[in-house]
Amino acid sequence: MKTAVPCYYHLDVEVTPERVGQVKRILAAHLRYWDLDTLVEPVCRGAEMLLKAIDEHATDKETSIEMWWNGQHLITAIGDNDRDLRPDQD
């Protein structure tokens, strides 16, 4: 039985309309490299939606993107620094 090697990827980016497509291609390349071809479409679609929302609504466009693969589960996180976008703010 082949054991999976845990993988991690981190990217800091300033979101612009041009960078959204670039980030999607970068994420897709890492997923393919990790042999997770079936996850490329849903991960990239979700990342695109979130990055477009940050581009459209955030005042601070600096964003961090992380992906963790532990051999069984993939976690993809996109975080921004704009406190105005947080739903839990009063």
PDB file of N, CA and C in Angstrom:
ATOM      1  N   MET A   1       0.834  -1.176   0.000  1.00  0.00           N
ATOM      2  CA  MET A   1       0.000   0.000   0.000  1.00  0.00           C
ATOM      3  C   MET A   1       0.883   1.246   0.000  1.00  0.00           C
ATOM      4  N   LYS A   2       0.603   2.171  -0.887  1.00  0.00           N
ATOM      5  CA  LYS A   2       1.362   3.404  -0.999  1.00  0.00           C
ATOM      6  C   LYS A   2       0.876   4.397   0.056  1.00  0.00           C
ATOM      7  N   THR A   3       1.790   4.938   0.837  1.00  0.00           N
ATOM      8  CA  THR A   3       1.412   5.935   1.831  1.00  0.00           C
ATOM      9  C   THR A   3       1.581   7.328   1.242  1.00  0.00           C
ATOM     10  N   ALA A   4       0.659   8.201   1.561  1.00  0.00           N
ATOM     11  CA  ALA A   4       0.690   9.564   1.045  1.00  0.00           C
ATOM     12  C   ALA A   4       1.605  10.428   1.901  1.00  0.00           C
ATOM     13  N   VAL A   5       2.349  11.285   1.230  1.00  0.00           N
ATOM     14  CA  VAL A   5       3.222  12.227   1.908  1.00  0.00           C
ATOM     15  C   VAL A   5       2.426  13.508   2.150  1.00  0.00           C
ATOM     16  N   PRO A   6       2.358  13.988   3.381  1.00  0.00           N
ATOM     17  CA  PRO A   6       1.640  15.243   3.633  1.00  0.00           C
ATOM     18  C   PRO A   6       2.268  16.389   2.830  1.00  0.00           C
ATOM     19  N   CYS A   7       1.412  17.278   2.331  1.00  0.00           N
ATOM     20  CA  CYS A   7       1.872  18.395   1.511  1.00  0.00           C
ATOM     21  C   CYS A   7       1.278  19.697   2.039  1.00  0.00           C
ATOM     22  N   TYR A   8       2.010  20.771   1.844  1.00  0.00           N
ATOM     23  CA  TYR A   8       1.554  22.085   2.281  1.00  0.00           C
ATOM     24  C   TYR A   8       1.982  23.113   1.246  1.00  0.00           C
ATOM     25  N   TYR A   9       1.103  24.078   0.978  1.00  0.00           N
ATOM     26  CA  TYR A   9       1.433  25.178   0.074  1.00  0.00           C
ATOM     27  C   TYR A   9       0.859  26.476   0.635  1.00  0.00           C
ATOM     28  N   HIS A  10       1.640  27.551   0.559  1.00  0.00           N
ATOM     29  CA  HIS A  10       1.239  28.868   1.059  1.00  0.00           C
ATOM     30  C   HIS A  10       1.562  29.914   0.004  1.00  0.00           C
ATOM     31  N   LEU A  11       0.615  30.832  -0.216  1.00  0.00           N
ATOM     32  CA  LEU A  11       0.810  31.912  -1.181  1.00  0.00           C
ATOM     33  C   LEU A  11       0.229  33.195  -0.607  1.00  0.00           C
ATOM     34  N   ASP A  12       1.045  34.246  -0.580  1.00  0.00           N
ATOM     35  CA  ASP A  12       0.562  35.583  -0.236  1.00  0.00           C
ATOM     36  C   ASP A  12       0.440  36.359  -1.536  1.00  0.00           C
ATOM     37  N   VAL A  13      -0.703  37.006  -1.730  1.00  0.00           N
ATOM     38  CA  VAL A  13      -0.957  37.687  -3.002  1.00  0.00           C
ATOM     39  C   VAL A  13      -1.804  38.932  -2.767  1.00  0.00           C
ATOM     40  N   GLU A  14      -1.568  39.956  -3.578  1.00  0.00           N
ATOM     41  CA  GLU A  14      -2.454  41.110  -3.612  1.00  0.00           C
ATOM     42  C   GLU A  14      -3.462  40.847  -4.716  1.00  0.00           C
ATOM     43  N   VAL A  15      -4.732  40.776  -4.360  1.00  0.00           N
ATOM     44  CA  VAL A  15      -5.771  40.374  -5.298  1.00  0.00           C
ATOM     45  C   VAL A  15      -6.089  41.508  -6.276  1.00  0.00           C
ATOM     46  N   THR A  16      -6.026  41.167  -7.550  1.00  0.00           N
ATOM     47  CA  THR A  16      -6.482  42.022  -8.644  1.00  0.00           C
ATOM     48  C   THR A  16      -7.215  41.110  -9.618  1.00  0.00           C
ATOM     49  N   PRO A  17      -8.008  41.667 -10.522  1.00  0.00           N
ATOM     50  CA  PRO A  17      -8.698  40.797 -11.489  1.00  0.00           C
ATOM     51  C   PRO A  17      -7.729  39.912 -12.284  1.00  0.00           C
ATOM     52  N   GLU A  18      -6.564  40.440 -12.615  1.00  0.00           N
ATOM     53  CA  GLU A  18      -5.582  39.655 -13.378  1.00  0.00           C
ATOM     54  C   GLU A  18      -4.998  38.518 -12.547  1.00  0.00           C
ATOM     55  N   ARG A  19      -4.811  38.773 -11.253  1.00  0.00           N
ATOM     56  CA  ARG A  19      -4.200  37.767 -10.385  1.00  0.00           C
ATOM     57  C   ARG A  19      -5.134  36.596 -10.084  1.00  0.00           C
ATOM     58  N   VAL A  20      -6.433  36.795 -10.167  1.00  0.00           N
ATOM     59  CA  VAL A  20      -7.386  35.706  -9.875  1.00  0.00           C
ATOM     60  C   VAL A  20      -7.112  34.511 -10.788  1.00  0.00           C
ATOM     61  N   GLY A  21      -6.981  34.745 -12.076  1.00  0.00           N
ATOM     62  CA  GLY A  21      -6.692  33.667 -13.022  1.00  0.00           C
ATOM     63  C   GLY A  21      -5.338  33.029 -12.772  1.00  0.00           C
ATOM     64  N   GLN A  22      -4.349  33.846 -12.432  1.00  0.00           N
ATOM     65  CA  GLN A  22      -3.013  33.324 -12.145  1.00  0.00           C
ATOM     66  C   GLN A  22      -3.038  32.420 -10.914  1.00  0.00           C
ATOM     67  N   VAL A  23      -3.743  32.857  -9.885  1.00  0.00           N
ATOM     68  CA  VAL A  23      -3.824  32.066  -8.656  1.00  0.00           C
ATOM     69  C   VAL A  23      -4.533  30.743  -8.926  1.00  0.00           C
ATOM     70  N   LYS A  24      -5.592  30.767  -9.712  1.00  0.00           N
ATOM     71  CA  LYS A  24      -6.283  29.518 -10.069  1.00  0.00           C
ATOM     72  C   LYS A  24      -5.328  28.543 -10.751  1.00  0.00           C
ATOM     73  N   ARG A  25      -4.516  29.042 -11.666  1.00  0.00           N
ATOM     74  CA  ARG A  25      -3.557  28.170 -12.368  1.00  0.00           C
ATOM     75  C   ARG A  25      -2.492  27.628 -11.412  1.00  0.00           C
ATOM     76  N   ILE A  26      -2.055  28.457 -10.472  1.00  0.00           N
ATOM     77  CA  ILE A  26      -1.061  28.013  -9.487  1.00  0.00           C
ATOM     78  C   ILE A  26      -1.645  26.911  -8.602  1.00  0.00           C
ATOM     79  N   LEU A  27      -2.854  27.126  -8.093  1.00  0.00           N
ATOM     80  CA  LEU A  27      -3.496  26.109  -7.245  1.00  0.00           C
ATOM     81  C   LEU A  27      -3.708  24.814  -8.021  1.00  0.00           C
ATOM     82  N   ALA A  28      -4.173  24.934  -9.265  1.00  0.00           N
ATOM     83  CA  ALA A  28      -4.395  23.744 -10.104  1.00  0.00           C
ATOM     84  C   ALA A  28      -3.092  22.975 -10.312  1.00  0.00           C
ATOM     85  N   ALA A  29      -2.010  23.693 -10.541  1.00  0.00           N
ATOM     86  CA  ALA A  29      -0.716  23.027 -10.749  1.00  0.00           C
ATOM     87  C   ALA A  29      -0.290  22.258  -9.498  1.00  0.00           C
ATOM     88  N   HIS A  30      -0.483  22.841  -8.332  1.00  0.00           N
ATOM     89  CA  HIS A  30      -0.111  22.139  -7.100  1.00  0.00           C
ATOM     90  C   HIS A  30      -0.997  20.922  -6.866  1.00  0.00           C
ATOM     91  N   LEU A  31      -2.280  21.051  -7.109  1.00  0.00           N
ATOM     92  CA  LEU A  31      -3.168  19.907  -6.937  1.00  0.00           C
ATOM     93  C   LEU A  31      -2.811  18.775  -7.897  1.00  0.00           C
ATOM     94  N   ARG A  32      -2.495  19.119  -9.126  1.00  0.00           N
ATOM     95  CA  ARG A  32      -2.085  18.080 -10.092  1.00  0.00           C
ATOM     96  C   ARG A  32      -0.765  17.443  -9.672  1.00  0.00           C
ATOM     97  N   TYR A  33       0.155  18.237  -9.175  1.00  0.00           N
ATOM     98  CA  TYR A  33       1.440  17.722  -8.705  1.00  0.00           C
ATOM     99  C   TYR A  33       1.236  16.742  -7.550  1.00  0.00           C
ATOM    100  N   TRP A  34       0.242  17.014  -6.703  1.00  0.00           N
ATOM    101  CA  TRP A  34      -0.079  16.136  -5.584  1.00  0.00           C
ATOM    102  C   TRP A  34      -0.994  14.983  -5.998  1.00  0.00           C
ATOM    103  N   ASP A  35      -1.235  14.813  -7.306  1.00  0.00           N
ATOM    104  CA  ASP A  35      -2.114  13.763  -7.842  1.00  0.00           C
ATOM    105  C   ASP A  35      -3.552  13.893  -7.354  1.00  0.00           C
ATOM    106  N   LEU A  36      -4.034  15.130  -7.267  1.00  0.00           N
ATOM    107  CA  LEU A  36      -5.409  15.401  -6.831  1.00  0.00           C
ATOM    108  C   LEU A  36      -6.191  16.052  -7.965  1.00  0.00           C
ATOM    109  N   ASP A  37      -6.075  15.486  -9.154  1.00  0.00           N
ATOM    110  CA  ASP A  37      -6.710  16.058 -10.346  1.00  0.00           C
ATOM    111  C   ASP A  37      -8.217  16.243 -10.192  1.00  0.00           C
ATOM    112  N   THR A  38      -8.871  15.350  -9.480  1.00  0.00           N
ATOM    113  CA  THR A  38     -10.333  15.443  -9.341  1.00  0.00           C
ATOM    114  C   THR A  38     -10.761  16.635  -8.475  1.00  0.00           C
ATOM    115  N   LEU A  39      -9.837  17.198  -7.718  1.00  0.00           N
ATOM    116  CA  LEU A  39     -10.168  18.324  -6.856  1.00  0.00           C
ATOM    117  C   LEU A  39      -9.859  19.680  -7.491  1.00  0.00           C
ATOM    118  N   VAL A  40      -9.233  19.677  -8.653  1.00  0.00           N
ATOM    119  CA  VAL A  40      -8.840  20.933  -9.295  1.00  0.00           C
ATOM    120  C   VAL A  40     -10.052  21.835  -9.529  1.00  0.00           C
ATOM    121  N   GLU A  41     -11.079  21.318 -10.151  1.00  0.00           N
ATOM    122  CA  GLU A  41     -12.245  22.138 -10.510  1.00  0.00           C
ATOM    123  C   GLU A  41     -12.956  22.722  -9.286  1.00  0.00           C
ATOM    124  N   PRO A  42     -13.336  21.917  -8.287  1.00  0.00           N
ATOM    125  CA  PRO A  42     -14.049  22.515  -7.148  1.00  0.00           C
ATOM    126  C   PRO A  42     -13.177  23.482  -6.336  1.00  0.00           C
ATOM    127  N   VAL A  43     -11.914  23.169  -6.143  1.00  0.00           N
ATOM    128  CA  VAL A  43     -11.041  24.058  -5.368  1.00  0.00           C
ATOM    129  C   VAL A  43     -10.837  25.376  -6.105  1.00  0.00           C
ATOM    130  N   CYS A  44     -10.569  25.303  -7.394  1.00  0.00           N
ATOM    131  CA  CYS A  44     -10.318  26.518  -8.177  1.00  0.00           C
ATOM    132  C   CYS A  44     -11.584  27.363  -8.320  1.00  0.00           C
ATOM    133  N   ARG A  45     -12.724  26.727  -8.450  1.00  0.00           N
ATOM    134  CA  ARG A  45     -13.983  27.471  -8.545  1.00  0.00           C
ATOM    135  C   ARG A  45     -14.270  28.206  -7.237  1.00  0.00           C
ATOM    136  N   GLY A  46     -14.089  27.524  -6.114  1.00  0.00           N
ATOM    137  CA  GLY A  46     -14.298  28.160  -4.813  1.00  0.00           C
ATOM    138  C   GLY A  46     -13.309  29.278  -4.553  1.00  0.00           C
ATOM    139  N   ALA A  47     -12.047  29.046  -4.890  1.00  0.00           N
ATOM    140  CA  ALA A  47     -11.036  30.084  -4.710  1.00  0.00           C
ATOM    141  C   ALA A  47     -11.348  31.298  -5.573  1.00  0.00           C
ATOM    142  N   GLU A  48     -11.788  31.056  -6.796  1.00  0.00           N
ATOM    143  CA  GLU A  48     -12.133  32.161  -7.692  1.00  0.00           C
ATOM    144  C   GLU A  48     -13.272  33.011  -7.112  1.00  0.00           C
ATOM    145  N   MET A  49     -14.295  32.371  -6.584  1.00  0.00           N
ATOM    146  CA  MET A  49     -15.422  33.107  -5.997  1.00  0.00           C
ATOM    147  C   MET A  49     -14.964  33.972  -4.826  1.00  0.00           C
ATOM    148  N   LEU A  50     -14.149  33.404  -3.953  1.00  0.00           N
ATOM    149  CA  LEU A  50     -13.685  34.148  -2.786  1.00  0.00           C
ATOM    150  C   LEU A  50     -12.744  35.283  -3.176  1.00  0.00           C
ATOM    151  N   LEU A  51     -11.844  35.019  -4.109  1.00  0.00           N
ATOM    152  CA  LEU A  51     -10.902  36.057  -4.538  1.00  0.00           C
ATOM    153  C   LEU A  51     -11.617  37.199  -5.248  1.00  0.00           C
ATOM    154  N   LYS A  52     -12.631  36.879  -6.043  1.00  0.00           N
ATOM    155  CA  LYS A  52     -13.408  37.933  -6.702  1.00  0.00           C
ATOM    156  C   LYS A  52     -14.162  38.774  -5.677  1.00  0.00           C
ATOM    157  N   ALA A  53     -14.676  38.143  -4.627  1.00  0.00           N
ATOM    158  CA  ALA A  53     -15.368  38.888  -3.577  1.00  0.00           C
ATOM    159  C   ALA A  53     -14.399  39.815  -2.850  1.00  0.00           C
ATOM    160  N   ILE A  54     -13.195  39.325  -2.580  1.00  0.00           N
ATOM    161  CA  ILE A  54     -12.184  40.165  -1.940  1.00  0.00           C
ATOM    162  C   ILE A  54     -11.829  41.329  -2.848  1.00  0.00           C
ATOM    163  N   ASP A  55     -11.637  41.057  -4.129  1.00  0.00           N
ATOM    164  CA  ASP A  55     -11.293  42.118  -5.077  1.00  0.00           C
ATOM    165  C   ASP A  55     -12.394  43.165  -5.158  1.00  0.00           C
ATOM    166  N   GLU A  56     -13.640  42.721  -5.148  1.00  0.00           N
ATOM    167  CA  GLU A  56     -14.768  43.629  -5.318  1.00  0.00           C
ATOM    168  C   GLU A  56     -15.094  44.422  -4.052  1.00  0.00           C
ATOM    169  N   HIS A  57     -14.954  43.807  -2.879  1.00  0.00           N
ATOM    170  CA  HIS A  57     -15.470  44.421  -1.665  1.00  0.00           C
ATOM    171  C   HIS A  57     -14.421  44.863  -0.646  1.00  0.00           C
ATOM    172  N   ALA A  58     -13.251  44.290  -0.663  1.00  0.00           N
ATOM    173  CA  ALA A  58     -12.272  44.576   0.384  1.00  0.00           C
ATOM    174  C   ALA A  58     -11.479  45.844   0.086  1.00  0.00           C
ATOM    175  N   THR A  59     -11.132  46.544   1.136  1.00  0.00           N
ATOM    176  CA  THR A  59     -10.246  47.697   0.971  1.00  0.00           C
ATOM    177  C   THR A  59      -8.790  47.253   1.021  1.00  0.00           C
ATOM    178  N   ASP A  60      -8.495  46.214   1.812  1.00  0.00           N
ATOM    179  CA  ASP A  60      -7.149  45.638   1.875  1.00  0.00           C
ATOM    180  C   ASP A  60      -7.137  44.385   1.007  1.00  0.00           C
ATOM    181  N   LYS A  61      -6.408  44.426  -0.085  1.00  0.00           N
ATOM    182  CA  LYS A  61      -6.419  43.324  -1.055  1.00  0.00           C
ATOM    183  C   LYS A  61      -5.385  42.239  -0.754  1.00  0.00           C
ATOM    184  N   GLU A  62      -4.567  42.430   0.297  1.00  0.00           N
ATOM    185  CA  GLU A  62      -3.562  41.421   0.645  1.00  0.00           C
ATOM    186  C   GLU A  62      -4.262  40.180   1.179  1.00  0.00           C
ATOM    187  N   THR A  63      -3.951  39.030   0.584  1.00  0.00           N
ATOM    188  CA  THR A  63      -4.639  37.781   0.893  1.00  0.00           C
ATOM    189  C   THR A  63      -3.632  36.648   1.030  1.00  0.00           C
ATOM    190  N   SER A  64      -3.911  35.726   1.933  1.00  0.00           N
ATOM    191  CA  SER A  64      -3.099  34.522   2.102  1.00  0.00           C
ATOM    192  C   SER A  64      -3.931  33.315   1.693  1.00  0.00           C
ATOM    193  N   ILE A  65      -3.290  32.420   0.962  1.00  0.00           N
ATOM    194  CA  ILE A  65      -3.944  31.190   0.526  1.00  0.00           C
ATOM    195  C   ILE A  65      -3.083  30.027   0.991  1.00  0.00           C
ATOM    196  N   GLU A  66      -3.724  29.029   1.602  1.00  0.00           N
ATOM    197  CA  GLU A  66      -3.004  27.855   2.065  1.00  0.00           C
ATOM    198  C   GLU A  66      -3.760  26.593   1.652  1.00  0.00           C
ATOM    199  N   MET A  67      -2.998  25.560   1.340  1.00  0.00           N
ATOM    200  CA  MET A  67      -3.578  24.238   1.070  1.00  0.00           C
ATOM    201  C   MET A  67      -2.778  23.207   1.854  1.00  0.00           C
ATOM    202  N   TRP A  68      -3.491  22.329   2.539  1.00  0.00           N
ATOM    203  CA  TRP A  68      -2.891  21.221   3.271  1.00  0.00           C
ATOM    204  C   TRP A  68      -3.479  19.921   2.739  1.00  0.00           C
ATOM    205  N   TRP A  69      -2.638  18.959   2.463  1.00  0.00           N
ATOM    206  CA  TRP A  69      -3.074  17.624   2.060  1.00  0.00           C
ATOM    207  C   TRP A  69      -2.397  16.643   3.001  1.00  0.00           C
ATOM    208  N   ASN A  70      -3.186  15.858   3.726  1.00  0.00           N
ATOM    209  CA  ASN A  70      -2.612  14.910   4.679  1.00  0.00           C
ATOM    210  C   ASN A  70      -2.674  13.467   4.176  1.00  0.00           C
ATOM    211  N   GLY A  71      -3.030  13.299   2.922  1.00  0.00           N
ATOM    212  CA  GLY A  71      -3.138  11.959   2.370  1.00  0.00           C
ATOM    213  C   GLY A  71      -4.571  11.448   2.360  1.00  0.00           C
ATOM    214  N   GLN A  72      -5.427  12.115   3.120  1.00  0.00           N
ATOM    215  CA  GLN A  72      -6.828  11.731   3.187  1.00  0.00           C
ATOM    216  C   GLN A  72      -7.757  12.924   2.996  1.00  0.00           C
ATOM    217  N   HIS A  73      -7.346  14.072   3.488  1.00  0.00           N
ATOM    218  CA  HIS A  73      -8.183  15.270   3.441  1.00  0.00           C
ATOM    219  C   HIS A  73      -7.394  16.443   2.880  1.00  0.00           C
ATOM    220  N   LEU A  74      -8.077  17.267   2.094  1.00  0.00           N
ATOM    221  CA  LEU A  74      -7.496  18.507   1.590  1.00  0.00           C
ATOM    222  C   LEU A  74      -8.217  19.665   2.274  1.00  0.00           C
ATOM    223  N   ILE A  75      -7.448  20.584   2.805  1.00  0.00           N
ATOM    224  CA  ILE A  75      -7.994  21.810   3.385  1.00  0.00           C
ATOM    225  C   ILE A  75      -7.429  22.966   2.580  1.00  0.00           C
ATOM    226  N   THR A  76      -8.316  23.815   2.097  1.00  0.00           N
ATOM    227  CA  THR A  76      -7.910  25.015   1.388  1.00  0.00           C
ATOM    228  C   THR A  76      -8.476  26.200   2.145  1.00  0.00           C
ATOM    229  N   ALA A  77      -7.618  27.159   2.476  1.00  0.00           N
ATOM    230  CA  ALA A  77      -8.042  28.329   3.242  1.00  0.00           C
ATOM    231  C   ALA A  77      -7.602  29.600   2.531  1.00  0.00           C
ATOM    232  N   ILE A  78      -8.503  30.561   2.493  1.00  0.00           N
ATOM    233  CA  ILE A  78      -8.201  31.873   1.933  1.00  0.00           C
ATOM    234  C   ILE A  78      -8.553  32.892   3.006  1.00  0.00           C
ATOM    235  N   GLY A  79      -7.572  33.680   3.397  1.00  0.00           N
ATOM    236  CA  GLY A  79      -7.791  34.658   4.450  1.00  0.00           C
ATOM    237  C   GLY A  79      -7.404  36.049   3.996  1.00  0.00           C
ATOM    238  N   ASP A  80      -8.199  37.023   4.403  1.00  0.00           N
ATOM    239  CA  ASP A  80      -7.883  38.403   4.084  1.00  0.00           C
ATOM    240  C   ASP A  80      -7.711  39.178   5.380  1.00  0.00           C
ATOM    241  N   ASN A  81      -7.261  40.409   5.264  1.00  0.00           N
ATOM    242  CA  ASN A  81      -7.030  41.253   6.435  1.00  0.00           C
ATOM    243  C   ASN A  81      -8.103  42.311   6.609  1.00  0.00           C
ATOM    244  N   ASP A  82      -9.118  42.307   5.770  1.00  0.00           N
ATOM    245  CA  ASP A  82     -10.135  43.353   5.795  1.00  0.00           C
ATOM    246  C   ASP A  82     -11.214  42.999   6.812  1.00  0.00           C
ATOM    247  N   ARG A  83     -11.234  43.706   7.908  1.00  0.00           N
ATOM    248  CA  ARG A  83     -12.192  43.419   8.975  1.00  0.00           C
ATOM    249  C   ARG A  83     -13.614  43.766   8.565  1.00  0.00           C
ATOM    250  N   ASP A  84     -13.795  44.612   7.547  1.00  0.00           N
ATOM    251  CA  ASP A  84     -15.138  44.990   7.101  1.00  0.00           C
ATOM    252  C   ASP A  84     -15.880  43.834   6.437  1.00  0.00           C
ATOM    253  N   LEU A  85     -15.171  42.839   5.930  1.00  0.00           N
ATOM    254  CA  LEU A  85     -15.813  41.706   5.247  1.00  0.00           C
ATOM    255  C   LEU A  85     -16.264  40.615   6.215  1.00  0.00           C
ATOM    256  N   ARG A  86     -15.855  40.681   7.455  1.00  0.00           N
ATOM    257  CA  ARG A  86     -16.164  39.637   8.407  1.00  0.00           C
ATOM    258  C   ARG A  86     -17.620  39.715   8.841  1.00  0.00           C
ATOM    259  N   PRO A  87     -18.376  38.631   8.715  1.00  0.00           N
ATOM    260  CA  PRO A  87     -19.800  38.653   9.071  1.00  0.00           C
ATOM    261  C   PRO A  87     -20.038  38.766  10.577  1.00  0.00           C
ATOM    262  N   ASP A  88     -19.028  38.439  11.391  1.00  0.00           N
ATOM    263  CA  ASP A  88     -19.220  38.452  12.840  1.00  0.00           C
ATOM    264  C   ASP A  88     -18.965  39.819  13.468  1.00  0.00           C
ATOM    265  N   GLN A  89     -18.679  40.811  12.663  1.00  0.00           N
ATOM    266  CA  GLN A  89     -18.416  42.152  13.180  1.00  0.00           C
ATOM    267  C   GLN A  89     -19.722  42.915  13.416  1.00  0.00           C
ATOM    268  N   ASP A  90     -19.800  43.603  14.543  1.00  0.00           N
ATOM    269  CA  ASP A  90     -20.997  44.393  14.862  1.00  0.00           C
ATOM    270  C   ASP A  90     -20.857  45.796  14.339  1.00  0.00           C
TER     271      ASP A  90
END
